[in-house]
């Protein structure tokens, strides 16, 4: 039996134990996954100029990650429809925990931390019932799964923490099942109904916006948020790319509809119906979306007006930089972009994956 004296001694020892921070991992500004020439995959921490800060080997391709707000921990998710996620100690370069999705579920490649980092939220597909779920995992209990909530849609892909503690969730609308076509087959295109949902920490639906019926094939996939709660969402068109649909929407909770952003027709066609990432610029003035298929970075203002297009083959990763955006491509390039400039930072012998996570 634990005595009161032993308990207090343990508490005192805990208080004296140094708590690691991102400074202990070299103070990276961003996290990104990449494939190296050897075929090895790794998670990299990079600084504001794209230089390597650390490298942690991964057992397979990484899609995106969730970075703890204080501790040097990142959660790397297997590419959809993967069933595992790795909690990585970025200071020591070690895997701390391996999380497994419950039976009948798989992860969707994204997650985020809640409650100051105490809870990890994972986006999941319940392919038995075709319902989106958010799994909740307690960090203080070794990332034990402690609950789940609804996303109020099908095919959730990404979620962001809102200023009031709620979650904005991109429900892509596409039903998939790992038992059919390896989990990549799209089983409900005629009935797709993507949405942006706002969900309370308890799982209640606070607000939800749908696209107009003629845009029901526009899968809402990735999210960016301003400090004032303005959401930018990137979409991936499941119809004919020659339709040149809008691929960026802006929404604020309480609006009856989203503002849709379109480039001039030639540029819109060049995106090939696919936006791979979205970010808000570091100054909070511009939203950017990338298309690796079209080799484009499109920049829009907060009123959904087109500003400019930057061209780079296989560009996809995008995050807020100090004065604009930081972008990555599949050729190993890291780029600085603003509304008027597009300049190289660094290049390495690796292929950057889809996303960049800001710390």
Protein backbone atom coordinates (compact mmCIF):
# COMPACT_ATOMS: atom_id res chain seq x y z
CA UNK A 1 0.00 0.00 0.00
CA UNK A 2 1.27 3.48 -0.87
CA UNK A 3 1.80 5.60 2.23
CA UNK A 4 1.09 9.32 2.38
CA UNK A 5 4.82 9.97 2.90
CA UNK A 6 5.74 7.91 -0.17
CA UNK A 7 3.07 9.66 -2.21
CA UNK A 8 4.34 13.11 -1.24
CA UNK A 9 7.91 12.05 -1.93
CA UNK A 10 6.92 10.87 -5.39
CA UNK A 11 5.14 14.15 -6.05
CA UNK A 12 8.18 16.13 -4.96
CA UNK A 13 10.46 14.04 -7.17
CA UNK A 14 8.12 14.58 -10.09
CA UNK A 15 8.19 18.33 -9.55
CA UNK A 16 11.99 18.27 -9.64
CA UNK A 17 12.16 16.17 -12.81
CA UNK A 18 13.03 18.39 -15.76
CA UNK A 19 10.20 18.61 -18.28
CA UNK A 20 11.37 18.49 -21.85
CA UNK A 21 10.26 21.15 -24.32
CA UNK A 22 10.69 21.66 -28.05
CA UNK A 23 13.95 23.46 -27.20
CA UNK A 24 15.34 20.06 -26.20
CA UNK A 25 14.64 18.89 -29.78
CA UNK A 26 16.51 21.86 -31.28
CA UNK A 27 13.57 24.31 -31.39
CA UNK A 28 12.17 23.30 -34.80
CA UNK A 29 9.53 25.51 -36.38
CA UNK A 30 7.87 22.79 -38.46
CA UNK A 31 7.51 19.03 -38.78
CA UNK A 32 7.34 17.21 -42.11
CA UNK A 33 7.68 13.65 -43.35
CA UNK A 34 9.79 12.67 -46.35
CA UNK A 35 11.07 9.69 -48.36
CA UNK A 36 14.85 9.52 -48.74
CA UNK A 37 16.78 8.17 -51.77
CA UNK A 38 17.33 4.87 -49.95
CA UNK A 39 13.57 4.42 -49.68
CA UNK A 40 13.66 5.08 -45.93
CA UNK A 41 10.91 7.33 -44.57
CA UNK A 42 11.60 9.79 -41.77
CA UNK A 43 10.08 12.60 -39.76
CA UNK A 44 12.07 15.83 -39.91
CA UNK A 45 12.06 18.90 -37.73
CA UNK A 46 13.04 21.97 -39.76
CA UNK A 47 13.62 25.60 -38.86
CA UNK A 48 12.01 28.72 -40.33
CA UNK A 49 14.44 28.62 -43.28
CA UNK A 50 13.91 24.94 -44.04
CA UNK A 51 17.15 23.62 -42.52
CA UNK A 52 17.11 20.25 -40.77
CA UNK A 53 16.94 20.33 -36.99
CA UNK A 54 16.38 16.61 -36.35
CA UNK A 55 15.53 13.38 -38.15
CA UNK A 56 13.61 10.40 -36.76
CA UNK A 57 13.29 7.24 -38.91
CA UNK A 58 9.76 5.95 -39.58
CA UNK A 59 8.72 2.37 -40.36
CA UNK A 60 6.72 3.51 -43.40
CA UNK A 61 5.30 6.48 -45.25
CA UNK A 62 4.02 9.27 -43.03
CA UNK A 63 1.07 11.40 -44.06
CA UNK A 64 0.69 14.11 -41.43
CA UNK A 65 1.26 14.51 -37.73
CA UNK A 66 0.04 16.17 -34.60
CA UNK A 67 2.58 18.17 -32.61
CA UNK A 68 2.19 18.55 -28.86
CA UNK A 69 1.99 22.26 -27.97
CA UNK A 70 4.73 22.10 -25.31
CA UNK A 71 6.47 18.73 -25.05
CA UNK A 72 8.72 17.57 -27.93
CA UNK A 73 6.26 14.85 -28.95
CA UNK A 74 4.71 14.24 -32.35
CA UNK A 75 2.12 11.71 -33.38
CA UNK A 76 2.68 10.32 -36.86
CA UNK A 77 -0.27 8.67 -38.56
CA UNK A 78 -0.13 5.86 -41.07
CA UNK A 79 -1.44 6.78 -44.49
CA UNK A 80 -5.18 6.14 -44.81
CA UNK A 81 -6.47 3.44 -44.26
CA UNK A 82 -3.75 2.71 -41.72
CA UNK A 83 -4.62 1.37 -38.28
CA UNK A 84 -1.60 2.57 -36.29
CA UNK A 85 -0.14 5.86 -35.11
CA UNK A 86 3.27 6.39 -33.52
CA UNK A 87 3.94 8.76 -30.62
CA UNK A 88 7.50 9.96 -31.17
CA UNK A 89 9.86 11.53 -28.65
CA UNK A 90 11.52 14.06 -30.98
CA UNK A 91 14.20 15.00 -28.44
CA UNK A 92 15.46 11.43 -28.05
CA UNK A 93 14.47 10.12 -31.48
CA UNK A 94 12.46 7.25 -30.04
CA UNK A 95 8.99 5.82 -30.52
CA UNK A 96 7.22 6.11 -27.16
CA UNK A 97 3.88 4.50 -27.95
CA UNK A 98 2.15 2.73 -30.80
CA UNK A 99 -1.58 3.45 -30.94
CA UNK A 100 -3.96 1.04 -32.64
CA UNK A 101 -7.39 2.00 -33.91
CA UNK A 102 -10.31 0.00 -32.50
CA UNK A 103 -11.67 -2.94 -34.48
CA UNK A 104 -13.77 -1.78 -37.40
CA UNK A 105 -11.94 1.55 -37.57
CA UNK A 106 -8.93 3.05 -39.25
CA UNK A 107 -7.15 6.38 -38.87
CA UNK A 108 -7.58 9.06 -41.51
CA UNK A 109 -4.06 10.51 -41.45
CA UNK A 110 -4.61 13.53 -39.18
CA UNK A 111 -5.09 14.42 -35.52
CA UNK A 112 -4.76 17.28 -33.08
CA UNK A 113 -4.17 17.92 -29.38
CA UNK A 114 -6.87 19.28 -27.07
CA UNK A 115 -6.95 20.71 -23.55
CA UNK A 116 -3.44 22.14 -23.67
CA UNK A 117 -2.00 18.85 -24.88
CA UNK A 118 -3.65 16.54 -22.36
CA UNK A 119 -5.86 14.82 -24.95
CA UNK A 120 -4.99 13.59 -28.43
CA UNK A 121 -7.89 13.62 -30.90
CA UNK A 122 -7.64 11.23 -33.87
CA UNK A 123 -9.80 11.31 -37.00
CA UNK A 124 -11.26 7.87 -37.71
CA UNK A 125 -13.49 6.04 -40.14
CA UNK A 126 -16.00 3.61 -38.65
CA UNK A 127 -16.33 1.59 -41.82
CA UNK A 128 -18.92 -0.77 -40.33
CA UNK A 129 -21.49 2.01 -39.85
CA UNK A 130 -19.97 4.52 -42.33
CA UNK A 131 -19.79 7.20 -39.62
CA UNK A 132 -16.98 9.55 -38.78
CA UNK A 133 -15.47 9.39 -35.29
CA UNK A 134 -12.92 11.29 -33.24
CA UNK A 135 -10.97 9.09 -30.85
CA UNK A 136 -9.79 10.62 -27.56
CA UNK A 137 -6.53 9.48 -25.97
CA UNK A 138 -5.15 10.61 -22.58
CA UNK A 139 -1.48 11.54 -22.72
CA UNK A 140 -1.06 11.37 -18.94
CA UNK A 141 -2.15 7.71 -19.08
CA UNK A 142 0.33 6.67 -21.73
CA UNK A 143 -2.05 7.68 -24.51
CA UNK A 144 -4.78 5.34 -23.32
CA UNK A 145 -7.99 5.62 -25.32
CA UNK A 146 -10.58 7.22 -23.03
CA UNK A 147 -13.51 7.96 -25.32
CA UNK A 148 -14.78 9.07 -28.70
CA UNK A 149 -17.20 11.56 -30.22
CA UNK A 150 -19.09 11.89 -33.52
CA UNK A 151 -17.95 14.06 -36.43
CA UNK A 152 -21.52 14.25 -37.78
CA UNK A 153 -20.47 13.20 -41.24
CA UNK A 154 -18.78 10.58 -43.41
CA UNK A 155 -15.07 10.37 -44.15
CA UNK A 156 -13.60 12.91 -41.71
CA UNK A 157 -10.06 13.84 -42.69
CA UNK A 158 -8.79 16.72 -40.54
CA UNK A 159 -9.89 18.65 -37.46
CA UNK A 160 -8.68 21.90 -35.92
CA UNK A 161 -9.04 23.24 -32.40
CA UNK A 162 -11.12 26.44 -32.31
CA UNK A 163 -10.50 29.38 -29.94
CA UNK A 164 -13.47 28.34 -27.76
CA UNK A 165 -12.24 24.76 -27.34
CA UNK A 166 -14.58 23.24 -29.92
CA UNK A 167 -13.41 21.43 -33.04
CA UNK A 168 -13.85 22.29 -36.71
CA UNK A 169 -14.04 19.04 -38.68
CA UNK A 170 -13.64 18.47 -42.42
CA UNK A 171 -16.07 15.69 -43.30
CA UNK A 172 -14.92 14.65 -46.76
CA UNK A 173 -18.17 12.85 -47.50
CA UNK A 174 -16.55 9.84 -49.22
CA UNK A 175 -17.41 6.40 -47.90
CA UNK A 176 -14.50 3.94 -47.95
CA UNK A 177 -13.95 0.45 -46.58
CA UNK A 178 -10.53 -1.23 -46.23
CA UNK A 179 -12.18 -4.52 -47.20
CA UNK A 180 -13.02 -3.05 -50.63
CA UNK A 181 -10.31 -1.95 -53.09
CA UNK A 182 -7.75 -1.70 -50.31
CA UNK A 183 -9.68 1.09 -48.63
CA UNK A 184 -9.07 3.57 -51.46
CA UNK A 185 -12.24 2.84 -53.41
CA UNK A 186 -15.00 5.48 -53.29
CA UNK A 187 -18.29 3.78 -52.57
CA UNK A 188 -20.89 6.55 -52.47
CA UNK A 189 -20.02 9.24 -55.01
CA UNK A 190 -23.63 9.80 -56.19
CA UNK A 191 -24.71 10.41 -52.58
CA UNK A 192 -21.67 12.34 -51.33
CA UNK A 193 -22.46 15.11 -48.87
CA UNK A 194 -19.26 16.78 -47.61
CA UNK A 195 -19.52 19.22 -44.75
CA UNK A 196 -17.63 21.48 -42.38
CA UNK A 197 -18.88 20.68 -38.89
CA UNK A 198 -18.28 22.46 -35.60
CA UNK A 199 -18.33 19.98 -32.74
CA UNK A 200 -18.23 20.53 -28.98
CA UNK A 201 -15.67 18.65 -26.84
CA UNK A 202 -18.57 16.43 -25.72
CA UNK A 203 -19.53 15.64 -29.30
CA UNK A 204 -22.50 17.95 -29.75
CA UNK A 205 -23.08 19.53 -33.16
CA UNK A 206 -22.72 23.30 -32.79
CA UNK A 207 -22.94 24.31 -36.46
CA UNK A 208 -22.56 22.73 -39.88
CA UNK A 209 -22.28 23.99 -43.43
CA UNK A 210 -22.81 22.01 -46.65
CA UNK A 211 -21.91 22.83 -50.22
CA UNK A 212 -24.55 23.53 -52.85
CA UNK A 213 -25.90 20.32 -54.47
CA UNK A 214 -24.05 20.93 -57.75
CA UNK A 215 -20.77 20.85 -55.76
CA UNK A 216 -21.55 17.71 -53.76
CA UNK A 217 -18.55 15.96 -55.39
CA UNK A 218 -16.16 18.47 -53.79
CA UNK A 219 -14.67 16.56 -50.88
CA UNK A 220 -13.72 18.88 -47.98
CA UNK A 221 -10.32 17.62 -46.83
CA UNK A 222 -7.95 20.07 -45.11
CA UNK A 223 -8.32 23.07 -42.83
CA UNK A 224 -6.55 26.26 -41.77
CA UNK A 225 -7.72 28.72 -39.12
CA UNK A 226 -7.21 32.37 -38.32
CA UNK A 227 -6.95 33.68 -34.76
CA UNK A 228 -10.45 35.15 -35.18
CA UNK A 229 -11.97 31.77 -36.07
CA UNK A 230 -12.12 32.22 -39.84
CA UNK A 231 -11.69 28.79 -41.45
CA UNK A 232 -10.21 28.05 -44.85
CA UNK A 233 -11.00 24.60 -46.21
CA UNK A 234 -9.36 22.88 -49.19
CA UNK A 235 -11.33 20.54 -51.44
CA UNK A 236 -10.69 17.67 -53.86
CA UNK A 237 -13.10 17.28 -56.76
CA UNK A 238 -14.37 13.76 -57.49
CA UNK A 239 -15.78 14.60 -60.92
CA UNK A 240 -14.26 15.68 -64.23
CA UNK A 241 -11.27 17.97 -63.59
CA UNK A 242 -12.31 19.99 -66.64
CA UNK A 243 -15.27 21.23 -64.59
CA UNK A 244 -12.70 23.48 -62.83
CA UNK A 245 -14.62 23.75 -59.54
CA UNK A 246 -13.58 26.06 -56.69
CA UNK A 247 -11.10 24.32 -54.39
CA UNK A 248 -10.98 26.77 -51.46
CA UNK A 249 -13.84 27.78 -49.20
CA UNK A 250 -13.94 30.29 -46.32
CA UNK A 251 -16.35 30.02 -43.43
CA UNK A 252 -16.99 31.43 -40.01
CA UNK A 253 -19.25 29.76 -37.49
CA UNK A 254 -22.72 31.25 -37.83
CA UNK A 255 -22.51 31.96 -41.55
CA UNK A 256 -25.30 30.30 -43.53
CA UNK A 257 -22.94 29.47 -46.42
CA UNK A 258 -19.26 29.42 -47.23
CA UNK A 259 -17.50 31.89 -49.51
CA UNK A 260 -15.93 29.97 -52.39
CA UNK A 261 -12.67 31.15 -53.95
CA UNK A 262 -11.78 30.71 -57.62
CA UNK A 263 -8.79 31.66 -59.74
CA UNK A 264 -9.09 32.78 -63.39
CA UNK A 265 -10.25 29.86 -65.56
CA UNK A 266 -6.82 28.92 -66.92
CA UNK A 267 -5.32 28.75 -63.46
CA UNK A 268 -8.38 26.97 -62.06
CA UNK A 269 -8.07 24.30 -64.76
CA UNK A 270 -4.36 23.93 -63.99
CA UNK A 271 -5.19 22.79 -60.44
CA UNK A 272 -6.69 19.61 -61.95
CA UNK A 273 -9.47 19.52 -59.38
CA UNK A 274 -7.11 18.84 -56.48
CA UNK A 275 -5.99 20.93 -53.51
CA UNK A 276 -3.50 19.03 -51.38
CA UNK A 277 -2.91 21.47 -48.51
CA UNK A 278 -4.18 24.78 -47.19
CA UNK A 279 -2.61 27.36 -44.86
CA UNK A 280 -3.11 30.89 -43.61
CA UNK A 281 -0.10 33.15 -44.12
CA UNK A 282 1.93 34.17 -41.10
CA UNK A 283 0.54 37.71 -41.18
CA UNK A 284 -3.01 36.35 -41.26
CA UNK A 285 -3.90 38.13 -44.50
CA UNK A 286 -3.90 35.37 -47.13
CA UNK A 287 -5.01 31.79 -47.60
CA UNK A 288 -2.98 29.51 -49.84
CA UNK A 289 -3.83 26.15 -51.42
CA UNK A 290 -1.46 23.84 -53.29
CA UNK A 291 -1.91 21.33 -56.10
CA UNK A 292 0.89 18.79 -56.59
CA UNK A 293 -0.92 17.57 -59.70
CA UNK A 294 -0.97 21.02 -61.24
CA UNK A 295 2.26 22.34 -59.73
CA UNK A 296 0.48 25.40 -58.35
CA UNK A 297 0.27 27.48 -55.19
CA UNK A 298 -2.76 29.76 -55.34
CA UNK A 299 -3.05 32.71 -52.97
CA UNK A 300 -6.36 34.38 -52.03
CA UNK A 301 -7.25 37.18 -49.64
CA UNK A 302 -9.64 36.86 -46.70
CA UNK A 303 -12.56 37.88 -48.93
CA UNK A 304 -11.92 34.88 -51.21
CA UNK A 305 -10.45 37.07 -53.97
CA UNK A 306 -7.67 35.60 -56.11
CA UNK A 307 -4.29 37.30 -55.58
CA UNK A 308 -1.61 35.30 -57.40
CA UNK A 309 -0.33 31.91 -58.58
CA UNK A 310 3.14 30.46 -57.99
CA UNK A 311 4.37 27.54 -60.10
CA UNK A 312 6.48 24.62 -58.84
CA UNK A 313 6.30 20.92 -59.82
CA UNK A 314 4.84 18.60 -57.16
CA UNK A 315 4.31 21.36 -54.59
CA UNK A 316 2.03 20.28 -51.75
CA UNK A 317 3.16 20.93 -48.15
CA UNK A 318 2.12 24.37 -46.91
CA UNK A 319 2.31 26.16 -43.56
CA UNK A 320 2.36 29.67 -42.13
CA UNK A 321 5.79 31.26 -42.29
CA UNK A 322 7.00 34.39 -40.46
CA UNK A 323 6.14 36.67 -43.40
CA UNK A 324 4.00 34.47 -45.61
CA UNK A 325 4.09 30.73 -46.30
CA UNK A 326 6.59 27.91 -46.11
CA UNK A 327 6.03 25.32 -48.87
CA UNK A 328 7.60 21.95 -49.68
CA UNK A 329 7.68 19.84 -52.83
CA UNK A 330 8.34 16.26 -53.87
CA UNK A 331 11.73 17.25 -55.32
CA UNK A 332 13.20 18.11 -51.92
CA UNK A 333 12.63 21.85 -52.12
CA UNK A 334 11.57 24.15 -49.29
CA UNK A 335 10.20 27.51 -50.45
CA UNK A 336 9.29 30.93 -49.10
CA UNK A 337 6.12 32.39 -50.61
CA UNK A 338 4.15 35.60 -50.18
CA UNK A 339 1.50 37.37 -52.23
CA UNK A 340 4.31 38.73 -54.44
CA UNK A 341 7.37 36.46 -54.00
CA UNK A 342 8.32 32.82 -54.44
CA UNK A 343 11.92 32.05 -53.51
CA UNK A 344 13.90 28.91 -52.56
CA UNK A 345 15.03 28.34 -48.99
CA UNK A 346 16.76 24.94 -49.20
CA UNK A 347 16.84 21.73 -51.18
CA UNK A 348 17.71 18.24 -49.94
CA UNK A 349 17.89 14.76 -51.47
CA UNK A 350 14.44 13.67 -50.38
CA UNK A 351 10.80 13.80 -51.45
CA UNK A 352 8.68 15.78 -49.02
CA UNK A 353 5.27 14.30 -48.32
CA UNK A 354 1.90 16.07 -48.42
CA UNK A 355 1.92 18.21 -45.30
CA UNK A 356 3.90 20.53 -43.06
CA UNK A 357 2.90 20.84 -39.39
CA UNK A 358 3.53 24.18 -37.67
CA UNK A 359 4.81 24.17 -34.08
